Amino acid sequence: MRRFQNLDPADNYRGFRHVMAWQLGLGPEPRRRSPRRANVPVVKNDGRALRGAARPSLTWIGHATYL
């Protein structure tokens, strides 16, 4: 079985030292922080409307789950 190979010719090798520096925020750029909260719209589920919809739909359950 072949391993993943990045086809981009740029030299992007990062060793353990580079990864640790990045994790600790010691890199050349300041570490960006995610906001603590975000406004996410919540819509009440209407199963009958989804069942009789004229077009296919995608329902987000949470994180990385879609139905």
C-alpha atoms as a PDB file:
ATOM      1  CA  MET A   1       0.000   0.000   0.000  1.00  0.00           C
ATOM      2  CA  ARG A   2       1.381   3.391  -0.979  1.00  0.00           C
ATOM      3  CA  ARG A   3       1.655   6.157   1.610  1.00  0.00           C
ATOM      4  CA  PHE A   4       0.198   9.609   1.106  1.00  0.00           C
ATOM      5  CA  GLN A   5       2.491  11.858  -0.884  1.00  0.00           C
ATOM      6  CA  ASN A   6       2.016  15.601  -1.228  1.00  0.00           C
ATOM      7  CA  LEU A   7       2.387  16.489  -4.897  1.00  0.00           C
ATOM      8  CA  ASP A   8       3.228  20.114  -4.084  1.00  0.00           C
ATOM      9  CA  PRO A   9       6.956  20.506  -4.836  1.00  0.00           C
ATOM     10  CA  ALA A  10       7.453  23.016  -1.984  1.00  0.00           C
ATOM     11  CA  ASP A  11       9.647  21.812   0.851  1.00  0.00           C
ATOM     12  CA  ASN A  12       7.230  21.777   3.792  1.00  0.00           C
ATOM     13  CA  TYR A  13       8.953  19.316   6.093  1.00  0.00           C
ATOM     14  CA  ARG A  14       8.384  20.157   9.738  1.00  0.00           C
ATOM     15  CA  GLY A  15      10.084  18.179  12.473  1.00  0.00           C
ATOM     16  CA  PHE A  16       9.056  17.699  16.095  1.00  0.00           C
ATOM     17  CA  ARG A  17      10.756  20.941  17.161  1.00  0.00           C
ATOM     18  CA  HIS A  18       8.747  22.950  14.614  1.00  0.00           C
ATOM     19  CA  VAL A  19       5.473  21.339  15.663  1.00  0.00           C
ATOM     20  CA  MET A  20       6.137  22.032  19.349  1.00  0.00           C
ATOM     21  CA  ALA A  21       7.061  25.656  18.643  1.00  0.00           C
ATOM     22  CA  TRP A  22       3.826  26.040  16.665  1.00  0.00           C
ATOM     23  CA  GLN A  23       1.759  24.464  19.460  1.00  0.00           C
ATOM     24  CA  LEU A  24       3.333  26.712  22.080  1.00  0.00           C
ATOM     25  CA  GLY A  25       2.797  29.821  19.951  1.00  0.00           C
ATOM     26  CA  LEU A  26       6.517  30.452  19.493  1.00  0.00           C
ATOM     27  CA  GLY A  27       6.416  30.747  15.718  1.00  0.00           C
ATOM     28  CA  PRO A  28       7.076  33.851  13.610  1.00  0.00           C
ATOM     29  CA  GLU A  29       3.360  34.770  13.656  1.00  0.00           C
ATOM     30  CA  PRO A  30       1.233  35.241  16.773  1.00  0.00           C
ATOM     31  CA  ARG A  31      -1.081  32.314  17.454  1.00  0.00           C
ATOM     32  CA  ARG A  32      -4.656  33.048  16.455  1.00  0.00           C
ATOM     33  CA  ARG A  33      -7.306  32.232  19.022  1.00  0.00           C
ATOM     34  CA  SER A  34     -10.788  31.046  18.164  1.00  0.00           C
ATOM     35  CA  PRO A  35     -13.698  32.961  19.666  1.00  0.00           C
ATOM     36  CA  ARG A  36     -15.162  31.369  22.816  1.00  0.00           C
ATOM     37  CA  ARG A  37     -18.668  31.486  21.377  1.00  0.00           C
ATOM     38  CA  ALA A  38     -20.318  31.972  18.016  1.00  0.00           C
ATOM     39  CA  ASN A  39     -23.895  32.743  17.083  1.00  0.00           C
ATOM     40  CA  VAL A  40     -25.201  29.666  15.290  1.00  0.00           C
ATOM     41  CA  PRO A  41     -28.778  29.762  14.020  1.00  0.00           C
ATOM     42  CA  VAL A  42     -30.975  26.956  15.360  1.00  0.00           C
ATOM     43  CA  VAL A  43     -34.060  25.889  13.427  1.00  0.00           C
ATOM     44  CA  LYS A  44     -36.683  23.623  14.939  1.00  0.00           C
ATOM     45  CA  ASN A  45     -36.946  20.324  13.059  1.00  0.00           C
ATOM     46  CA  ASP A  46     -40.147  19.825  11.067  1.00  0.00           C
ATOM     47  CA  GLY A  47     -40.029  16.212   9.867  1.00  0.00           C
ATOM     48  CA  ARG A  48     -43.208  16.492   7.763  1.00  0.00           C
ATOM     49  CA  ALA A  49     -41.858  19.460   5.815  1.00  0.00           C
ATOM     50  CA  LEU A  50     -38.576  17.636   5.194  1.00  0.00           C
ATOM     51  CA  ARG A  51     -40.350  14.456   4.081  1.00  0.00           C
ATOM     52  CA  GLY A  52     -42.525  16.294   1.552  1.00  0.00           C
ATOM     53  CA  ALA A  53     -39.841  18.686   0.290  1.00  0.00           C
ATOM     54  CA  ALA A  54     -39.560  19.229  -3.451  1.00  0.00           C
ATOM     55  CA  ARG A  55     -35.753  19.334  -3.262  1.00  0.00           C
ATOM     56  CA  PRO A  56     -33.233  17.168  -1.398  1.00  0.00           C
ATOM     57  CA  SER A  57     -31.998  18.624   1.873  1.00  0.00           C
ATOM     58  CA  LEU A  58     -29.068  18.261   4.207  1.00  0.00           C
ATOM     59  CA  THR A  59     -29.502  18.403   7.989  1.00  0.00           C
ATOM     60  CA  TRP A  60     -26.582  19.191  10.254  1.00  0.00           C
ATOM     61  CA  ILE A  61     -26.755  17.090  13.424  1.00  0.00           C
ATOM     62  CA  GLY A  62     -23.609  18.418  15.060  1.00  0.00           C
ATOM     63  CA  HIS A  63     -19.842  18.715  14.673  1.00  0.00           C
ATOM     64  CA  ALA A  64     -19.232  16.505  11.609  1.00  0.00           C
ATOM     65  CA  THR A  65     -22.541  14.647  11.330  1.00  0.00           C
ATOM     66  CA  TYR A  66     -25.006  15.267   8.543  1.00  0.00           C
ATOM     67  CA  LEU A  67     -28.240  13.465   7.731  1.00  0.00           C
END
